[in-house]
Amino acid sequence: MTKIQTNLSSFSKGQRLIARYITEHYDKAAFMTANRLGTTVGVSESTVVRFATELGYDGYPHLQKALQEMIRNRLTAVQRMEVAEDRIGNRDILESVLTADVEKIRMTMDELDRSAFEKSASCITKAKRIYILGVRSSSALASFMGFYFTLLFGNVYVLDTNSGSEILEQILHIGEGDVFIGISFPRYSQRTLAAMKYSKAHGANVIALTDSSLSPLANYADHTLIAKSDMASFVDSLVAPLSVINAIIVQVSMDRQEEVEKTFNQLESIWNEYNVYETMDES
């Protein structure tokens, strides 16, 4: 926005139309293609591309990405619904949402730092205690991770998220050798940020699972795992983050293969003895 205001006087008539639309409707512009934006304001696609270059971006996709990063944590639920409606239009909803999820997994594969992934898995494997926090929709991810880590370790704490003060009470004794895993996506949770800040200040290894290196979670993380999220209406699409969690679980289990095999042999005996799972009649 600063770049737009600074360069406003040097823009052509068509570029000023683009600048005005982005300034007034940034929530929608961020998810428009160059052709769609041009059609909306009444200029050519090439004018939109030149506008992005004029602002110092390599092309329109980079301008679009910058806009998306800027607004993700600002959109209200109503605005998110409006954006989704504008993006999907009259297209098939099921196909549109699943296609977007596939694209987010592909982007995650391209952008996730493999070194950060390996170091995160190593920290988790060696940790004295593992604390996991995800608030609101991210609580489902925290519970999923916690379910499997509890089978692999005896030192896992999935934090109760009833109130901010209670979260800090649950990590009161966190310290060196412990790992804190904070999970949050736009709109970012202040409670998750506070817990990460506290954990880092007390010497714990802090891992962030979030959508961007520009996420506020990255400021307090020793290792940041990037997993692209998306907005399907007011719903948070967390398919890519769940895939990253699956990968972390598999990596940790492979690092502790002997212990994991022993644990699951014991579990199979318990599950069979207490009829935990339905067994198919072989006849």
C-alpha atoms as a PDB file:
ATOM      1  CA  MET A   1       0.000   0.000   0.000  1.00  0.00           C
ATOM      2  CA  THR A   2       2.895   2.331   0.740  1.00  0.00           C
ATOM      3  CA  LYS A   3       4.410   1.592  -2.663  1.00  0.00           C
ATOM      4  CA  ILE A   4       1.096   2.364  -4.360  1.00  0.00           C
ATOM      5  CA  GLN A   5       0.695   5.693  -2.556  1.00  0.00           C
ATOM      6  CA  THR A   6       4.313   6.674  -3.213  1.00  0.00           C
ATOM      7  CA  ASN A   7       4.094   6.006  -6.960  1.00  0.00           C
ATOM      8  CA  LEU A   8       0.529   7.231  -7.511  1.00  0.00           C
ATOM      9  CA  SER A   9       1.511  10.467  -9.257  1.00  0.00           C
ATOM     10  CA  SER A  10       3.646   8.628 -11.830  1.00  0.00           C
ATOM     11  CA  PHE A  11       0.977   6.100 -12.816  1.00  0.00           C
ATOM     12  CA  SER A  12      -0.826   6.165 -16.120  1.00  0.00           C
ATOM     13  CA  LYS A  13      -4.605   6.549 -16.178  1.00  0.00           C
ATOM     14  CA  GLY A  14      -5.088   2.778 -16.372  1.00  0.00           C
ATOM     15  CA  GLN A  15      -2.614   2.121 -13.582  1.00  0.00           C
ATOM     16  CA  ARG A  16      -4.407   4.617 -11.342  1.00  0.00           C
ATOM     17  CA  LEU A  17      -7.629   2.659 -11.888  1.00  0.00           C
ATOM     18  CA  ILE A  18      -5.829  -0.506 -10.751  1.00  0.00           C
ATOM     19  CA  ALA A  19      -4.281   1.267  -7.767  1.00  0.00           C
ATOM     20  CA  ARG A  20      -7.662   2.664  -6.678  1.00  0.00           C
ATOM     21  CA  TYR A  21      -9.348  -0.735  -6.935  1.00  0.00           C
ATOM     22  CA  ILE A  22      -6.605  -2.501  -4.965  1.00  0.00           C
ATOM     23  CA  THR A  23      -6.678   0.180  -2.269  1.00  0.00           C
ATOM     24  CA  GLU A  24     -10.470  -0.027  -1.882  1.00  0.00           C
ATOM     25  CA  HIS A  25     -10.946  -3.776  -2.490  1.00  0.00           C
ATOM     26  CA  TYR A  26      -7.645  -5.379  -1.468  1.00  0.00           C
ATOM     27  CA  ASP A  27      -9.460  -8.395  -0.019  1.00  0.00           C
ATOM     28  CA  LYS A  28     -10.829  -9.339  -3.441  1.00  0.00           C
ATOM     29  CA  ALA A  29      -7.924  -8.096  -5.575  1.00  0.00           C
ATOM     30  CA  ALA A  30      -5.468 -10.367  -3.753  1.00  0.00           C
ATOM     31  CA  PHE A  31      -7.153 -13.449  -5.191  1.00  0.00           C
ATOM     32  CA  MET A  32      -7.844 -12.203  -8.723  1.00  0.00           C
ATOM     33  CA  THR A  33      -5.827 -13.218 -11.749  1.00  0.00           C
ATOM     34  CA  ALA A  34      -4.246 -10.417 -13.773  1.00  0.00           C
ATOM     35  CA  ASN A  35      -6.870 -10.921 -16.470  1.00  0.00           C
ATOM     36  CA  ARG A  36      -9.731 -10.830 -13.951  1.00  0.00           C
ATOM     37  CA  LEU A  37      -8.403  -7.687 -12.284  1.00  0.00           C
ATOM     38  CA  GLY A  38      -7.949  -5.987 -15.643  1.00  0.00           C
ATOM     39  CA  THR A  39     -11.474  -6.855 -16.733  1.00  0.00           C
ATOM     40  CA  THR A  40     -12.893  -5.622 -13.433  1.00  0.00           C
ATOM     41  CA  VAL A  41     -11.299  -2.166 -13.657  1.00  0.00           C
ATOM     42  CA  GLY A  42     -11.504  -1.842 -17.450  1.00  0.00           C
ATOM     43  CA  VAL A  43      -7.860  -2.197 -18.537  1.00  0.00           C
ATOM     44  CA  SER A  44      -5.852  -4.835 -20.373  1.00  0.00           C
ATOM     45  CA  GLU A  45      -4.072  -7.736 -18.692  1.00  0.00           C
ATOM     46  CA  SER A  46      -0.750  -6.338 -19.923  1.00  0.00           C
ATOM     47  CA  THR A  47      -1.492  -3.064 -18.102  1.00  0.00           C
ATOM     48  CA  VAL A  48      -1.958  -5.009 -14.873  1.00  0.00           C
ATOM     49  CA  VAL A  49       1.355  -6.812 -15.412  1.00  0.00           C
ATOM     50  CA  ARG A  50       3.155  -3.513 -16.099  1.00  0.00           C
ATOM     51  CA  PHE A  51       1.571  -2.069 -12.960  1.00  0.00           C
ATOM     52  CA  ALA A  52       3.123  -4.855 -10.874  1.00  0.00           C
ATOM     53  CA  THR A  53       6.509  -4.265 -12.497  1.00  0.00           C
ATOM     54  CA  GLU A  54       6.199  -0.525 -11.876  1.00  0.00           C
ATOM     55  CA  LEU A  55       5.841  -1.270  -8.150  1.00  0.00           C
ATOM     56  CA  GLY A  56       9.099  -3.238  -8.192  1.00  0.00           C
ATOM     57  CA  TYR A  57       7.756  -6.798  -8.355  1.00  0.00           C
ATOM     58  CA  ASP A  58       9.086  -9.425 -10.759  1.00  0.00           C
ATOM     59  CA  GLY A  59       5.585  -9.873 -12.127  1.00  0.00           C
ATOM     60  CA  TYR A  60       1.931  -9.965 -11.208  1.00  0.00           C
ATOM     61  CA  PRO A  61       2.120 -13.278  -9.269  1.00  0.00           C
ATOM     62  CA  HIS A  62       4.639 -11.690  -6.865  1.00  0.00           C
ATOM     63  CA  LEU A  63       2.390  -8.670  -6.339  1.00  0.00           C
ATOM     64  CA  GLN A  64      -0.545 -10.992  -5.755  1.00  0.00           C
ATOM     65  CA  LYS A  65       1.425 -13.046  -3.229  1.00  0.00           C
ATOM     66  CA  ALA A  66       2.463  -9.884  -1.358  1.00  0.00           C
ATOM     67  CA  LEU A  67      -1.184  -8.792  -1.172  1.00  0.00           C
ATOM     68  CA  GLN A  68      -2.282 -12.195   0.092  1.00  0.00           C
ATOM     69  CA  GLU A  69       0.389 -12.238   2.798  1.00  0.00           C
ATOM     70  CA  MET A  70      -0.669  -8.743   3.875  1.00  0.00           C
ATOM     71  CA  ILE A  71      -4.365  -9.473   4.253  1.00  0.00           C
ATOM     72  CA  ARG A  72      -4.602 -13.068   5.461  1.00  0.00           C
ATOM     73  CA  ASN A  73      -4.747 -12.095   9.113  1.00  0.00           C
ATOM     74  CA  ARG A  74      -7.028  -9.114   8.510  1.00  0.00           C
ATOM     75  CA  LEU A  75     -10.022 -10.718   6.838  1.00  0.00           C
ATOM     76  CA  THR A  76     -13.157 -11.181   8.903  1.00  0.00           C
ATOM     77  CA  ALA A  77     -15.288 -14.311   8.489  1.00  0.00           C
ATOM     78  CA  VAL A  78     -17.746 -12.351   6.336  1.00  0.00           C
ATOM     79  CA  GLN A  79     -14.955 -11.047   4.096  1.00  0.00           C
ATOM     80  CA  ARG A  80     -13.586 -14.568   3.729  1.00  0.00           C
ATOM     81  CA  MET A  81     -16.994 -15.779   2.565  1.00  0.00           C
ATOM     82  CA  GLU A  82     -17.152 -12.951   0.026  1.00  0.00           C
ATOM     83  CA  VAL A  83     -13.654 -13.763  -1.259  1.00  0.00           C
ATOM     84  CA  ALA A  84     -14.514 -17.463  -1.579  1.00  0.00           C
ATOM     85  CA  GLU A  85     -17.733 -16.673  -3.415  1.00  0.00           C
ATOM     86  CA  ASP A  86     -15.856 -14.407  -5.802  1.00  0.00           C
ATOM     87  CA  ARG A  87     -13.114 -17.005  -6.421  1.00  0.00           C
ATOM     88  CA  ILE A  88     -15.424 -19.984  -6.925  1.00  0.00           C
ATOM     89  CA  GLY A  89     -18.236 -18.163  -8.727  1.00  0.00           C
ATOM     90  CA  ASN A  90     -20.438 -20.630 -10.600  1.00  0.00           C
ATOM     91  CA  ARG A  91     -17.836 -23.389 -10.686  1.00  0.00           C
ATOM     92  CA  ASP A  92     -18.352 -26.770  -9.051  1.00  0.00           C
ATOM     93  CA  ILE A  93     -17.639 -26.281  -5.331  1.00  0.00           C
ATOM     94  CA  LEU A  94     -16.342 -29.790  -4.670  1.00  0.00           C
ATOM     95  CA  GLU A  95     -13.905 -29.667  -7.582  1.00  0.00           C
ATOM     96  CA  SER A  96     -12.794 -26.114  -6.747  1.00  0.00           C
ATOM     97  CA  VAL A  97     -12.073 -26.858  -3.088  1.00  0.00           C
ATOM     98  CA  LEU A  98     -10.295 -30.171  -3.746  1.00  0.00           C
ATOM     99  CA  THR A  99      -8.235 -28.625  -6.546  1.00  0.00           C
ATOM    100  CA  ALA A 100      -7.200 -25.796  -4.226  1.00  0.00           C
ATOM    101  CA  ASP A 101      -6.181 -28.339  -1.561  1.00  0.00           C
ATOM    102  CA  VAL A 102      -4.040 -30.249  -4.068  1.00  0.00           C
ATOM    103  CA  GLU A 103      -2.357 -27.000  -5.066  1.00  0.00           C
ATOM    104  CA  LYS A 104      -1.609 -26.122  -1.423  1.00  0.00           C
ATOM    105  CA  ILE A 105       0.083 -29.498  -0.899  1.00  0.00           C
ATOM    106  CA  ARG A 106       2.155 -28.921  -4.049  1.00  0.00           C
ATOM    107  CA  MET A 107       3.176 -25.458  -2.848  1.00  0.00           C
ATOM    108  CA  THR A 108       4.050 -26.884   0.563  1.00  0.00           C
ATOM    109  CA  MET A 109       6.342 -29.470  -1.014  1.00  0.00           C
ATOM    110  CA  ASP A 110       8.141 -26.693  -2.878  1.00  0.00           C
ATOM    111  CA  GLU A 111       8.500 -24.271   0.036  1.00  0.00           C
ATOM    112  CA  LEU A 112       8.985 -26.403   3.151  1.00  0.00           C
ATOM    113  CA  ASP A 113      12.559 -26.235   4.438  1.00  0.00           C
ATOM    114  CA  ARG A 114      13.812 -29.841   4.565  1.00  0.00           C
ATOM    115  CA  SER A 115      16.516 -28.920   7.054  1.00  0.00           C
ATOM    116  CA  ALA A 116      13.918 -27.386   9.396  1.00  0.00           C
ATOM    117  CA  PHE A 117      11.819 -30.536   9.019  1.00  0.00           C
ATOM    118  CA  GLU A 118      14.719 -32.846   9.915  1.00  0.00           C
ATOM    119  CA  LYS A 119      15.828 -30.670  12.843  1.00  0.00           C
ATOM    120  CA  SER A 120      12.262 -30.525  14.160  1.00  0.00           C
ATOM    121  CA  ALA A 121      11.966 -34.307  14.059  1.00  0.00           C
ATOM    122  CA  SER A 122      15.335 -34.645  15.822  1.00  0.00           C
ATOM    123  CA  CYS A 123      14.297 -32.215  18.590  1.00  0.00           C
ATOM    124  CA  ILE A 124      11.031 -34.084  19.122  1.00  0.00           C
ATOM    125  CA  THR A 125      12.769 -37.471  19.268  1.00  0.00           C
ATOM    126  CA  LYS A 126      15.253 -36.262  21.921  1.00  0.00           C
ATOM    127  CA  ALA A 127      12.829 -34.112  23.957  1.00  0.00           C
ATOM    128  CA  LYS A 128      12.348 -34.549  27.685  1.00  0.00           C
ATOM    129  CA  ARG A 129       8.782 -33.300  27.352  1.00  0.00           C
ATOM    130  CA  ILE A 130       6.684 -32.383  24.301  1.00  0.00           C
ATOM    131  CA  TYR A 131       4.043 -29.659  24.531  1.00  0.00           C
ATOM    132  CA  ILE A 132       1.581 -29.172  21.660  1.00  0.00           C
ATOM    133  CA  LEU A 133      -0.751 -26.213  21.231  1.00  0.00           C
ATOM    134  CA  GLY A 134      -3.309 -25.429  18.561  1.00  0.00           C
ATOM    135  CA  VAL A 135      -6.175 -23.028  19.209  1.00  0.00           C
ATOM    136  CA  ARG A 136      -9.599 -22.984  17.531  1.00  0.00           C
ATOM    137  CA  SER A 137      -9.497 -24.833  14.175  1.00  0.00           C
ATOM    138  CA  SER A 138      -5.823 -25.684  14.762  1.00  0.00           C
ATOM    139  CA  SER A 139      -6.829 -27.635  17.872  1.00  0.00           C
ATOM    140  CA  ALA A 140      -7.846 -30.502  15.579  1.00  0.00           C
ATOM    141  CA  LEU A 141      -4.291 -30.642  14.227  1.00  0.00           C
ATOM    142  CA  ALA A 142      -2.835 -30.514  17.747  1.00  0.00           C
ATOM    143  CA  SER A 143      -5.114 -33.359  18.865  1.00  0.00           C
ATOM    144  CA  PHE A 144      -4.167 -35.485  15.861  1.00  0.00           C
ATOM    145  CA  MET A 145      -0.463 -34.962  16.470  1.00  0.00           C
ATOM    146  CA  GLY A 146      -0.904 -35.557  20.181  1.00  0.00           C
ATOM    147  CA  PHE A 147      -2.812 -38.806  19.630  1.00  0.00           C
ATOM    148  CA  TYR A 148       0.068 -40.408  17.714  1.00  0.00           C
ATOM    149  CA  PHE A 149       2.868 -38.866  19.748  1.00  0.00           C
ATOM    150  CA  THR A 150       1.239 -40.222  22.918  1.00  0.00           C
ATOM    151  CA  LEU A 151       1.556 -43.711  21.432  1.00  0.00           C
ATOM    152  CA  LEU A 152       5.231 -43.094  20.675  1.00  0.00           C
ATOM    153  CA  PHE A 153       6.309 -41.184  23.798  1.00  0.00           C
ATOM    154  CA  GLY A 154       5.399 -41.022  27.459  1.00  0.00           C
ATOM    155  CA  ASN A 155       6.006 -37.304  27.812  1.00  0.00           C
ATOM    156  CA  VAL A 156       3.405 -35.604  25.580  1.00  0.00           C
ATOM    157  CA  TYR A 157       1.097 -32.799  26.684  1.00  0.00           C
ATOM    158  CA  VAL A 158      -1.622 -31.482  24.386  1.00  0.00           C
ATOM    159  CA  LEU A 159      -2.556 -28.192  26.031  1.00  0.00           C
ATOM    160  CA  ASP A 160      -6.097 -27.416  27.062  1.00  0.00           C
ATOM    161  CA  THR A 161      -7.160 -24.197  25.352  1.00  0.00           C
ATOM    162  CA  ASN A 162      -9.971 -22.947  27.575  1.00  0.00           C
ATOM    163  CA  SER A 163      -8.207 -19.701  28.489  1.00  0.00           C
ATOM    164  CA  GLY A 164      -4.925 -17.915  27.920  1.00  0.00           C
ATOM    165  CA  SER A 165      -3.885 -17.907  31.570  1.00  0.00           C
ATOM    166  CA  GLU A 166      -4.528 -21.628  31.913  1.00  0.00           C
ATOM    167  CA  ILE A 167      -2.312 -22.321  28.904  1.00  0.00           C
ATOM    168  CA  LEU A 168       0.605 -20.548  30.564  1.00  0.00           C
ATOM    169  CA  GLU A 169      -0.046 -22.460  33.791  1.00  0.00           C
ATOM    170  CA  GLN A 170       0.217 -25.730  31.857  1.00  0.00           C
ATOM    171  CA  ILE A 171       3.695 -24.829  30.588  1.00  0.00           C
ATOM    172  CA  LEU A 172       4.856 -23.244  33.847  1.00  0.00           C
ATOM    173  CA  HIS A 173       7.791 -25.655  34.243  1.00  0.00           C
ATOM    174  CA  ILE A 174       8.868 -25.827  30.595  1.00  0.00           C
ATOM    175  CA  GLY A 175      12.623 -25.484  30.115  1.00  0.00           C
ATOM    176  CA  GLU A 176      15.778 -26.686  28.407  1.00  0.00           C
ATOM    177  CA  GLY A 177      15.436 -30.058  26.742  1.00  0.00           C
ATOM    178  CA  ASP A 178      11.696 -29.612  26.242  1.00  0.00           C
ATOM    179  CA  VAL A 179       9.958 -28.979  22.927  1.00  0.00           C
ATOM    180  CA  PHE A 180       7.010 -26.683  22.363  1.00  0.00           C
ATOM    181  CA  ILE A 181       5.059 -27.072  19.109  1.00  0.00           C
ATOM    182  CA  GLY A 182       2.831 -24.124  18.209  1.00  0.00           C
ATOM    183  CA  ILE A 183       0.282 -24.533  15.424  1.00  0.00           C
ATOM    184  CA  SER A 184      -1.590 -21.554  14.007  1.00  0.00           C
ATOM    185  CA  PHE A 185      -2.820 -20.193  10.700  1.00  0.00           C
ATOM    186  CA  PRO A 186      -4.593 -16.985   9.702  1.00  0.00           C
ATOM    187  CA  ARG A 187      -6.131 -15.525  11.705  1.00  0.00           C
ATOM    188  CA  TYR A 188      -3.202 -16.182  14.049  1.00  0.00           C
ATOM    189  CA  SER A 189      -3.897 -16.970  17.692  1.00  0.00           C
ATOM    190  CA  GLN A 190      -2.529 -14.529  20.277  1.00  0.00           C
ATOM    191  CA  ARG A 191      -2.633 -17.286  22.899  1.00  0.00           C
ATOM    192  CA  THR A 192      -0.386 -19.493  20.763  1.00  0.00           C
ATOM    193  CA  LEU A 193       2.051 -16.620  20.269  1.00  0.00           C
ATOM    194  CA  ALA A 194       2.141 -15.888  24.017  1.00  0.00           C
ATOM    195  CA  ALA A 195       2.851 -19.544  24.837  1.00  0.00           C
ATOM    196  CA  MET A 196       5.603 -19.730  22.221  1.00  0.00           C
ATOM    197  CA  LYS A 197       7.209 -16.550  23.535  1.00  0.00           C
ATOM    198  CA  TYR A 198       7.115 -17.896  27.106  1.00  0.00           C
ATOM    199  CA  SER A 199       8.556 -21.277  26.042  1.00  0.00           C
ATOM    200  CA  LYS A 200      11.410 -19.717  24.107  1.00  0.00           C
ATOM    201  CA  ALA A 201      12.260 -17.374  26.990  1.00  0.00           C
ATOM    202  CA  HIS A 202      12.553 -20.403  29.285  1.00  0.00           C
ATOM    203  CA  GLY A 203      14.969 -22.308  27.061  1.00  0.00           C
ATOM    204  CA  ALA A 204      12.707 -24.778  25.292  1.00  0.00           C
ATOM    205  CA  ASN A 205      13.104 -25.680  21.625  1.00  0.00           C
ATOM    206  CA  VAL A 206      10.181 -24.053  19.827  1.00  0.00           C
ATOM    207  CA  ILE A 207       8.711 -25.414  16.597  1.00  0.00           C
ATOM    208  CA  ALA A 208       6.137 -23.482  14.575  1.00  0.00           C
ATOM    209  CA  LEU A 209       3.728 -25.040  12.097  1.00  0.00           C
ATOM    210  CA  THR A 210       2.264 -22.145  10.147  1.00  0.00           C
ATOM    211  CA  ASP A 211       1.568 -20.868   6.641  1.00  0.00           C
ATOM    212  CA  SER A 212       4.429 -18.484   5.904  1.00  0.00           C
ATOM    213  CA  SER A 213       7.883 -17.326   6.972  1.00  0.00           C
ATOM    214  CA  LEU A 214       6.182 -13.957   7.524  1.00  0.00           C
ATOM    215  CA  SER A 215       3.818 -15.500  10.071  1.00  0.00           C
ATOM    216  CA  PRO A 216       4.203 -13.982  13.559  1.00  0.00           C
ATOM    217  CA  LEU A 217       4.848 -17.507  14.871  1.00  0.00           C
ATOM    218  CA  ALA A 218       8.181 -17.543  13.030  1.00  0.00           C
ATOM    219  CA  ASN A 219       9.436 -14.746  15.305  1.00  0.00           C
ATOM    220  CA  TYR A 220       9.485 -17.106  18.309  1.00  0.00           C
ATOM    221  CA  ALA A 221      10.410 -20.378  16.578  1.00  0.00           C
ATOM    222  CA  ASP A 222      13.750 -22.150  16.429  1.00  0.00           C
ATOM    223  CA  HIS A 223      12.392 -24.174  13.504  1.00  0.00           C
ATOM    224  CA  THR A 224       9.507 -23.111  11.246  1.00  0.00           C
ATOM    225  CA  LEU A 225       7.570 -25.641   9.206  1.00  0.00           C
ATOM    226  CA  ILE A 226       5.687 -23.983   6.349  1.00  0.00           C
ATOM    227  CA  ALA A 227       2.408 -25.594   5.295  1.00  0.00           C
ATOM    228  CA  LYS A 228       0.117 -23.646   3.020  1.00  0.00           C
ATOM    229  CA  SER A 229      -3.410 -23.069   4.255  1.00  0.00           C
ATOM    230  CA  ASP A 230      -6.320 -21.677   2.283  1.00  0.00           C
ATOM    231  CA  MET A 231      -9.732 -20.186   2.793  1.00  0.00           C
ATOM    232  CA  ALA A 232     -12.745 -22.170   1.638  1.00  0.00           C
ATOM    233  CA  SER A 233     -15.392 -19.633   2.641  1.00  0.00           C
ATOM    234  CA  PHE A 234     -14.993 -19.082   6.411  1.00  0.00           C
ATOM    235  CA  VAL A 235     -13.547 -22.597   6.749  1.00  0.00           C
ATOM    236  CA  ASP A 236      -9.816 -23.074   7.253  1.00  0.00           C
ATOM    237  CA  SER A 237      -8.432 -25.587   4.768  1.00  0.00           C
ATOM    238  CA  LEU A 238      -5.761 -27.484   6.701  1.00  0.00           C
ATOM    239  CA  VAL A 239      -5.058 -30.373   4.357  1.00  0.00           C
ATOM    240  CA  ALA A 240      -1.415 -29.407   3.749  1.00  0.00           C
ATOM    241  CA  PRO A 241      -0.650 -28.846   7.462  1.00  0.00           C
ATOM    242  CA  LEU A 242      -2.110 -32.277   8.233  1.00  0.00           C
ATOM    243  CA  SER A 243       0.151 -33.815   5.600  1.00  0.00           C
ATOM    244  CA  VAL A 244       3.196 -32.185   7.196  1.00  0.00           C
ATOM    245  CA  ILE A 245       2.125 -33.539  10.594  1.00  0.00           C
ATOM    246  CA  ASN A 246       1.789 -37.011   9.061  1.00  0.00           C
ATOM    247  CA  ALA A 247       5.322 -36.694   7.702  1.00  0.00           C
ATOM    248  CA  ILE A 248       6.688 -35.610  11.097  1.00  0.00           C
ATOM    249  CA  ILE A 249       5.007 -38.585  12.798  1.00  0.00           C
ATOM    250  CA  VAL A 250       6.441 -41.008  10.239  1.00  0.00           C
ATOM    251  CA  GLN A 251       9.923 -39.446  10.473  1.00  0.00           C
ATOM    252  CA  VAL A 252       9.945 -39.641  14.279  1.00  0.00           C
ATOM    253  CA  SER A 253       8.708 -43.238  14.243  1.00  0.00           C
ATOM    254  CA  MET A 254      11.424 -44.204  11.761  1.00  0.00           C
ATOM    255  CA  ASP A 255      14.055 -42.539  13.968  1.00  0.00           C
ATOM    256  CA  ARG A 256      12.868 -44.693  16.895  1.00  0.00           C
ATOM    257  CA  GLN A 257      11.957 -47.803  14.942  1.00  0.00           C
ATOM    258  CA  GLU A 258      12.921 -50.434  17.525  1.00  0.00           C
ATOM    259  CA  GLU A 259      11.096 -48.688  20.383  1.00  0.00           C
ATOM    260  CA  VAL A 260       8.057 -48.062  18.189  1.00  0.00           C
ATOM    261  CA  GLU A 261       7.827 -51.703  17.101  1.00  0.00           C
ATOM    262  CA  LYS A 262       8.005 -52.801  20.749  1.00  0.00           C
ATOM    263  CA  THR A 263       5.327 -50.292  21.723  1.00  0.00           C
ATOM    264  CA  PHE A 264       2.928 -51.389  18.997  1.00  0.00           C
ATOM    265  CA  ASN A 265       3.423 -55.060  19.802  1.00  0.00           C
ATOM    266  CA  GLN A 266       2.305 -54.246  23.342  1.00  0.00           C
ATOM    267  CA  LEU A 267      -0.602 -52.183  22.043  1.00  0.00           C
ATOM    268  CA  GLU A 268      -1.787 -54.955  19.735  1.00  0.00           C
ATOM    269  CA  SER A 269      -1.965 -57.297  22.719  1.00  0.00           C
ATOM    270  CA  ILE A 270      -3.984 -54.741  24.697  1.00  0.00           C
ATOM    271  CA  TRP A 271      -6.303 -54.006  21.768  1.00  0.00           C
ATOM    272  CA  ASN A 272      -6.960 -57.716  21.228  1.00  0.00           C
ATOM    273  CA  GLU A 273      -7.491 -58.480  24.917  1.00  0.00           C
ATOM    274  CA  TYR A 274      -9.974 -55.638  25.431  1.00  0.00           C
ATOM    275  CA  ASN A 275     -11.678 -55.855  22.005  1.00  0.00           C
ATOM    276  CA  VAL A 276     -10.756 -52.312  21.071  1.00  0.00           C
ATOM    277  CA  TYR A 277     -11.263 -52.905  17.361  1.00  0.00           C
ATOM    278  CA  GLU A 278     -13.903 -54.836  15.495  1.00  0.00           C
ATOM    279  CA  THR A 279     -12.529 -58.029  13.969  1.00  0.00           C
ATOM    280  CA  MET A 280     -13.845 -59.406  10.696  1.00  0.00           C
ATOM    281  CA  ASP A 281     -15.313 -62.910  10.760  1.00  0.00           C
ATOM    282  CA  GLU A 282     -12.896 -64.977   8.706  1.00  0.00           C
ATOM    283  CA  SER A 283     -15.692 -67.358   7.756  1.00  0.00           C
END
